Amino acid sequence: MSLKQEGRRWLIRQARMEDAEAVCRIFNHEEVFPNTMQLPFSSQSYWQQRLECMDRGHHMLAACHPQAPETLLGLIGLHPVAASARVAHVRTIGLSVDPDYAGQGIGSQLLRAAIDLADNWLNVTRLSLGVYSHNHRAIDLYERHGFVKEGLSRGISFGHGRYLDSLEMARLHPRLEQALEVQGRPDETQAHYLSQQGDTKC
């Protein structure tokens, strides 16, 4: 059965343990793992463990064909950045699509679903991600969904025998943007206090 969509929406559902084999297949694809932080030849058991994390603040959504909901074609994850309650409003995301179905709107629909989950159900106001600076197709996709470039992490990863730069991007919920605008610049006393805390380690 051909799984190509003709002007219809893909089915988005929660990823589950039974998807581990399909997730493993996608991430081991030669066009996928080089654009992630994953190593080649990852095991199915590794992805089973990752999928088990969903009940600990991690959320993973899968894209499937409506007529074949058991066949995973793409995956997006929303992950806490740390255990601290001070960053409970932040998630980092990772997105991958089966290359055989690239260009059919799967990535866009997964991003829209993840943004809706973050905005309207998890009270997440900052979504962040890292994307290799040479991955222009992915950068364009993220920019179309409201992500903006915030900085460059030079040489943060190693792949194909060379060091790679990661472009750091984020999407802020309007609530967070408004709060940051209202805060404005700290007064001199507050600015001095914050500068003194810069070397604090924990």
C-alpha atoms as a PDB file:
ATOM      1  CA  MET A   1       0.000   0.000   0.000  1.00  0.00           C
ATOM      2  CA  SER A   2       1.338   3.418  -0.933  1.00  0.00           C
ATOM      3  CA  LEU A   3       1.431   5.754   2.051  1.00  0.00           C
ATOM      4  CA  LYS A   4       1.655   8.958   0.057  1.00  0.00           C
ATOM      5  CA  GLN A   5      -0.891  11.527   1.166  1.00  0.00           C
ATOM      6  CA  GLU A   6      -2.893  13.415  -1.437  1.00  0.00           C
ATOM      7  CA  GLY A   7      -3.871  16.685   0.210  1.00  0.00           C
ATOM      8  CA  ARG A   8      -4.907  15.015   3.480  1.00  0.00           C
ATOM      9  CA  ARG A   9      -3.576  15.407   6.992  1.00  0.00           C
ATOM     10  CA  TRP A  10      -1.324  12.820   8.540  1.00  0.00           C
ATOM     11  CA  LEU A  11      -2.432  11.090  11.728  1.00  0.00           C
ATOM     12  CA  ILE A  12      -0.596  12.384  14.808  1.00  0.00           C
ATOM     13  CA  ARG A  13      -0.624  10.191  17.891  1.00  0.00           C
ATOM     14  CA  GLN A  14       1.484   9.538  20.969  1.00  0.00           C
ATOM     15  CA  ALA A  15       4.548   7.414  20.299  1.00  0.00           C
ATOM     16  CA  ARG A  16       4.515   4.071  22.084  1.00  0.00           C
ATOM     17  CA  MET A  17       6.793   1.176  22.932  1.00  0.00           C
ATOM     18  CA  GLU A  18       5.741  -0.775  19.850  1.00  0.00           C
ATOM     19  CA  ASP A  19       7.239   2.019  17.709  1.00  0.00           C
ATOM     20  CA  ALA A  20      10.799   1.259  18.854  1.00  0.00           C
ATOM     21  CA  GLU A  21      11.610  -0.815  15.776  1.00  0.00           C
ATOM     22  CA  ALA A  22      10.392   1.895  13.382  1.00  0.00           C
ATOM     23  CA  VAL A  23      12.143   4.648  15.351  1.00  0.00           C
ATOM     24  CA  CYS A  24      15.353   2.645  15.275  1.00  0.00           C
ATOM     25  CA  ARG A  25      15.019   2.180  11.506  1.00  0.00           C
ATOM     26  CA  ILE A  26      14.502   5.914  10.908  1.00  0.00           C
ATOM     27  CA  PHE A  27      17.380   7.046  13.123  1.00  0.00           C
ATOM     28  CA  ASN A  28      19.770   4.524  11.587  1.00  0.00           C
ATOM     29  CA  HIS A  29      19.000   5.832   8.097  1.00  0.00           C
ATOM     30  CA  GLU A  30      22.105   7.307   6.463  1.00  0.00           C
ATOM     31  CA  GLU A  31      20.201  10.530   5.738  1.00  0.00           C
ATOM     32  CA  VAL A  32      18.923  10.921   9.302  1.00  0.00           C
ATOM     33  CA  PHE A  33      21.498  10.153  11.984  1.00  0.00           C
ATOM     34  CA  PRO A  34      24.155  12.548  10.582  1.00  0.00           C
ATOM     35  CA  ASN A  35      21.693  15.414  11.201  1.00  0.00           C
ATOM     36  CA  THR A  36      21.124  14.421  14.836  1.00  0.00           C
ATOM     37  CA  MET A  37      23.322  13.874  17.882  1.00  0.00           C
ATOM     38  CA  GLN A  38      22.861  10.107  17.492  1.00  0.00           C
ATOM     39  CA  LEU A  39      25.557   7.625  16.577  1.00  0.00           C
ATOM     40  CA  PRO A  40      25.049   5.188  13.695  1.00  0.00           C
ATOM     41  CA  PHE A  41      23.964   1.619  14.467  1.00  0.00           C
ATOM     42  CA  SER A  42      21.779   2.479  17.455  1.00  0.00           C
ATOM     43  CA  SER A  43      19.935  -0.502  18.888  1.00  0.00           C
ATOM     44  CA  GLN A  44      16.229  -1.137  19.202  1.00  0.00           C
ATOM     45  CA  SER A  45      16.627  -1.584  22.967  1.00  0.00           C
ATOM     46  CA  TYR A  46      18.112   1.925  23.189  1.00  0.00           C
ATOM     47  CA  TRP A  47      14.980   3.388  21.587  1.00  0.00           C
ATOM     48  CA  GLN A  48      12.744   1.262  23.786  1.00  0.00           C
ATOM     49  CA  GLN A  49      14.403   2.898  26.798  1.00  0.00           C
ATOM     50  CA  ARG A  50      13.947   6.348  25.273  1.00  0.00           C
ATOM     51  CA  LEU A  51      10.252   5.691  24.677  1.00  0.00           C
ATOM     52  CA  GLU A  52       9.873   4.575  28.282  1.00  0.00           C
ATOM     53  CA  CYS A  53      10.809   8.137  29.362  1.00  0.00           C
ATOM     54  CA  MET A  54       7.480   9.535  28.201  1.00  0.00           C
ATOM     55  CA  ASP A  55       5.981   9.334  31.692  1.00  0.00           C
ATOM     56  CA  ARG A  56       8.805  11.427  33.210  1.00  0.00           C
ATOM     57  CA  GLY A  57       8.149  14.791  31.617  1.00  0.00           C
ATOM     58  CA  HIS A  58       9.097  13.712  28.110  1.00  0.00           C
ATOM     59  CA  HIS A  59       6.541  13.708  25.311  1.00  0.00           C
ATOM     60  CA  MET A  60       6.946  12.038  21.937  1.00  0.00           C
ATOM     61  CA  LEU A  61       4.494  12.348  19.071  1.00  0.00           C
ATOM     62  CA  ALA A  62       4.407  10.109  16.020  1.00  0.00           C
ATOM     63  CA  ALA A  63       3.130  10.815  12.511  1.00  0.00           C
ATOM     64  CA  CYS A  64       1.412   7.989  10.643  1.00  0.00           C
ATOM     65  CA  HIS A  65      -0.820   7.436   7.654  1.00  0.00           C
ATOM     66  CA  PRO A  66      -4.498   7.451   8.737  1.00  0.00           C
ATOM     67  CA  GLN A  67      -4.989   4.057   7.102  1.00  0.00           C
ATOM     68  CA  ALA A  68      -1.871   2.589   8.715  1.00  0.00           C
ATOM     69  CA  PRO A  69      -1.655   4.051  12.238  1.00  0.00           C
ATOM     70  CA  GLU A  70       0.823   1.369  13.263  1.00  0.00           C
ATOM     71  CA  THR A  71       3.387   2.590  10.687  1.00  0.00           C
ATOM     72  CA  LEU A  72       5.513   5.427  12.062  1.00  0.00           C
ATOM     73  CA  LEU A  73       6.775   7.909   9.454  1.00  0.00           C
ATOM     74  CA  GLY A  74       8.061  10.706  11.669  1.00  0.00           C
ATOM     75  CA  LEU A  75       8.698  11.558  15.308  1.00  0.00           C
ATOM     76  CA  ILE A  76       8.985  14.705  17.423  1.00  0.00           C
ATOM     77  CA  GLY A  77      10.032  14.819  21.053  1.00  0.00           C
ATOM     78  CA  LEU A  78       9.601  17.520  23.705  1.00  0.00           C
ATOM     79  CA  HIS A  79      12.143  17.068  26.480  1.00  0.00           C
ATOM     80  CA  PRO A  80      12.877  18.910  29.748  1.00  0.00           C
ATOM     81  CA  VAL A  81      16.212  20.707  29.720  1.00  0.00           C
ATOM     82  CA  ALA A  82      16.919  19.996  33.412  1.00  0.00           C
ATOM     83  CA  ALA A  83      15.259  18.696  36.562  1.00  0.00           C
ATOM     84  CA  SER A  84      15.147  22.159  38.148  1.00  0.00           C
ATOM     85  CA  ALA A  85      11.697  23.672  38.660  1.00  0.00           C
ATOM     86  CA  ARG A  86      13.155  26.988  37.496  1.00  0.00           C
ATOM     87  CA  VAL A  87      13.178  25.737  33.893  1.00  0.00           C
ATOM     88  CA  ALA A  88       9.841  23.924  34.017  1.00  0.00           C
ATOM     89  CA  HIS A  89       8.558  26.324  31.353  1.00  0.00           C
ATOM     90  CA  VAL A  90      11.199  25.187  28.836  1.00  0.00           C
ATOM     91  CA  ARG A  91      11.358  22.197  26.515  1.00  0.00           C
ATOM     92  CA  THR A  92      13.884  21.263  23.873  1.00  0.00           C
ATOM     93  CA  ILE A  93      12.646  19.501  20.769  1.00  0.00           C
ATOM     94  CA  GLY A  94      14.000  16.947  18.335  1.00  0.00           C
ATOM     95  CA  LEU A  95      12.372  16.121  14.997  1.00  0.00           C
ATOM     96  CA  SER A  96      13.042  13.361  12.476  1.00  0.00           C
ATOM     97  CA  VAL A  97      11.113  12.177   9.416  1.00  0.00           C
ATOM     98  CA  ASP A  98      11.516   9.020   7.356  1.00  0.00           C
ATOM     99  CA  PRO A  99      13.474  10.250   4.268  1.00  0.00           C
ATOM    100  CA  ASP A 100      11.214   8.175   2.026  1.00  0.00           C
ATOM    101  CA  TYR A 101       8.350  10.530   2.988  1.00  0.00           C
ATOM    102  CA  ALA A 102      10.233  13.825   3.111  1.00  0.00           C
ATOM    103  CA  GLY A 103       8.560  16.815   1.504  1.00  0.00           C
ATOM    104  CA  GLN A 104       5.023  15.636   2.242  1.00  0.00           C
ATOM    105  CA  GLY A 105       4.307  17.950   5.174  1.00  0.00           C
ATOM    106  CA  ILE A 106       5.044  15.456   7.958  1.00  0.00           C
ATOM    107  CA  GLY A 107       7.609  17.681   9.668  1.00  0.00           C
ATOM    108  CA  SER A 108       5.320  20.715   9.545  1.00  0.00           C
ATOM    109  CA  GLN A 109       2.374  18.824  10.985  1.00  0.00           C
ATOM    110  CA  LEU A 110       4.494  17.352  13.775  1.00  0.00           C
ATOM    111  CA  LEU A 111       5.816  20.809  14.639  1.00  0.00           C
ATOM    112  CA  ARG A 112       2.308  22.271  14.739  1.00  0.00           C
ATOM    113  CA  ALA A 113       1.160  19.458  17.023  1.00  0.00           C
ATOM    114  CA  ALA A 114       4.148  19.917  19.340  1.00  0.00           C
ATOM    115  CA  ILE A 115       3.607  23.683  19.522  1.00  0.00           C
ATOM    116  CA  ASP A 116      -0.089  23.177  20.329  1.00  0.00           C
ATOM    117  CA  LEU A 117       0.821  20.680  23.059  1.00  0.00           C
ATOM    118  CA  ALA A 118       3.381  23.088  24.518  1.00  0.00           C
ATOM    119  CA  ASP A 119       1.213  26.225  24.313  1.00  0.00           C
ATOM    120  CA  ASN A 120      -2.177  24.911  25.302  1.00  0.00           C
ATOM    121  CA  TRP A 121      -1.622  21.851  27.468  1.00  0.00           C
ATOM    122  CA  LEU A 122       1.820  21.889  29.087  1.00  0.00           C
ATOM    123  CA  ASN A 123       2.101  25.637  29.796  1.00  0.00           C
ATOM    124  CA  VAL A 124       5.500  25.609  28.118  1.00  0.00           C
ATOM    125  CA  THR A 125       6.519  29.101  27.023  1.00  0.00           C
ATOM    126  CA  ARG A 126       9.944  28.422  25.507  1.00  0.00           C
ATOM    127  CA  LEU A 127      10.747  25.780  22.898  1.00  0.00           C
ATOM    128  CA  SER A 128      14.414  25.502  21.996  1.00  0.00           C
ATOM    129  CA  LEU A 129      16.421  23.368  19.587  1.00  0.00           C
ATOM    130  CA  GLY A 130      19.803  22.955  18.001  1.00  0.00           C
ATOM    131  CA  VAL A 131      20.181  22.379  14.273  1.00  0.00           C
ATOM    132  CA  TYR A 132      23.398  21.954  12.344  1.00  0.00           C
ATOM    133  CA  SER A 133      24.264  25.179  10.585  1.00  0.00           C
ATOM    134  CA  HIS A 134      24.583  23.423   7.215  1.00  0.00           C
ATOM    135  CA  ASN A 135      21.050  21.932   7.431  1.00  0.00           C
ATOM    136  CA  HIS A 136      19.330  24.767   5.571  1.00  0.00           C
ATOM    137  CA  ARG A 137      16.186  22.778   4.830  1.00  0.00           C
ATOM    138  CA  ALA A 138      15.547  22.183   8.534  1.00  0.00           C
ATOM    139  CA  ILE A 139      16.378  25.787   9.425  1.00  0.00           C
ATOM    140  CA  ASP A 140      13.835  27.024   6.890  1.00  0.00           C
ATOM    141  CA  LEU A 141      11.214  24.677   8.352  1.00  0.00           C
ATOM    142  CA  TYR A 142      11.782  25.914  11.902  1.00  0.00           C
ATOM    143  CA  GLU A 143      11.711  29.563  10.836  1.00  0.00           C
ATOM    144  CA  ARG A 144       8.366  29.023   9.121  1.00  0.00           C
ATOM    145  CA  HIS A 145       6.989  27.871  12.475  1.00  0.00           C
ATOM    146  CA  GLY A 146       8.185  30.852  14.477  1.00  0.00           C
ATOM    147  CA  PHE A 147      11.636  29.758  15.632  1.00  0.00           C
ATOM    148  CA  VAL A 148      14.326  32.423  15.553  1.00  0.00           C
ATOM    149  CA  LYS A 149      18.109  32.181  15.555  1.00  0.00           C
ATOM    150  CA  GLU A 150      19.661  32.961  18.929  1.00  0.00           C
ATOM    151  CA  GLY A 151      23.286  31.923  18.598  1.00  0.00           C
ATOM    152  CA  LEU A 152      25.889  29.523  17.253  1.00  0.00           C
ATOM    153  CA  SER A 153      27.570  26.727  19.190  1.00  0.00           C
ATOM    154  CA  ARG A 154      30.843  26.190  17.367  1.00  0.00           C
ATOM    155  CA  GLY A 155      32.285  22.698  17.076  1.00  0.00           C
ATOM    156  CA  ILE A 156      29.661  21.257  19.419  1.00  0.00           C
ATOM    157  CA  SER A 157      29.416  17.943  17.591  1.00  0.00           C
ATOM    158  CA  PHE A 158      31.653  15.603  15.595  1.00  0.00           C
ATOM    159  CA  GLY A 159      30.556  13.704  12.523  1.00  0.00           C
ATOM    160  CA  HIS A 160      31.923  12.480   9.196  1.00  0.00           C
ATOM    161  CA  GLY A 161      35.395  13.156  10.570  1.00  0.00           C
ATOM    162  CA  ARG A 162      34.926  16.869  11.251  1.00  0.00           C
ATOM    163  CA  TYR A 163      33.607  19.265  13.869  1.00  0.00           C
ATOM    164  CA  LEU A 164      30.140  20.691  13.313  1.00  0.00           C
ATOM    165  CA  ASP A 165      28.482  23.936  14.384  1.00  0.00           C
ATOM    166  CA  SER A 166      24.978  23.997  15.815  1.00  0.00           C
ATOM    167  CA  LEU A 167      22.608  26.903  15.268  1.00  0.00           C
ATOM    168  CA  GLU A 168      20.592  27.509  18.437  1.00  0.00           C
ATOM    169  CA  MET A 169      16.978  28.481  17.787  1.00  0.00           C
ATOM    170  CA  ALA A 170      13.939  29.089  19.970  1.00  0.00           C
ATOM    171  CA  ARG A 171      10.270  29.951  19.817  1.00  0.00           C
ATOM    172  CA  LEU A 172       8.835  32.038  22.653  1.00  0.00           C
ATOM    173  CA  HIS A 173       5.168  32.012  23.564  1.00  0.00           C
ATOM    174  CA  PRO A 174       3.668  35.534  23.465  1.00  0.00           C
ATOM    175  CA  ARG A 175       3.222  35.349  27.265  1.00  0.00           C
ATOM    176  CA  LEU A 176       6.973  34.987  27.733  1.00  0.00           C
ATOM    177  CA  GLU A 177       7.773  37.668  25.160  1.00  0.00           C
ATOM    178  CA  GLN A 178       5.415  40.055  26.959  1.00  0.00           C
ATOM    179  CA  ALA A 179       6.935  39.239  30.362  1.00  0.00           C
ATOM    180  CA  LEU A 180      10.436  39.876  29.039  1.00  0.00           C
ATOM    181  CA  GLU A 181       9.317  43.177  27.534  1.00  0.00           C
ATOM    182  CA  VAL A 182       7.686  44.285  30.786  1.00  0.00           C
ATOM    183  CA  GLN A 183      10.817  43.410  32.765  1.00  0.00           C
ATOM    184  CA  GLY A 184      12.898  45.693  30.589  1.00  0.00           C
ATOM    185  CA  ARG A 185      16.446  46.425  31.640  1.00  0.00           C
ATOM    186  CA  PRO A 186      17.226  45.830  35.336  1.00  0.00           C
ATOM    187  CA  ASP A 187      18.041  48.908  37.394  1.00  0.00           C
ATOM    188  CA  GLU A 188      21.671  49.490  38.426  1.00  0.00           C
ATOM    189  CA  THR A 189      21.274  47.806  41.819  1.00  0.00           C
ATOM    190  CA  GLN A 190      19.748  44.685  40.314  1.00  0.00           C
ATOM    191  CA  ALA A 191      22.289  44.633  37.474  1.00  0.00           C
ATOM    192  CA  HIS A 192      25.147  44.793  40.014  1.00  0.00           C
ATOM    193  CA  TYR A 193      23.599  41.983  42.082  1.00  0.00           C
ATOM    194  CA  LEU A 194      23.169  39.753  39.022  1.00  0.00           C
ATOM    195  CA  SER A 195      26.746  40.405  37.905  1.00  0.00           C
ATOM    196  CA  GLN A 196      28.011  39.253  41.299  1.00  0.00           C
ATOM    197  CA  GLN A 197      26.135  35.969  40.939  1.00  0.00           C
ATOM    198  CA  GLY A 198      27.729  35.068  37.613  1.00  0.00           C
ATOM    199  CA  ASP A 199      30.383  32.764  39.084  1.00  0.00           C
ATOM    200  CA  THR A 200      28.000  30.836  41.342  1.00  0.00           C
ATOM    201  CA  LYS A 201      28.136  27.081  40.754  1.00  0.00           C
ATOM    202  CA  CYS A 202      25.732  24.414  41.937  1.00  0.00           C
END
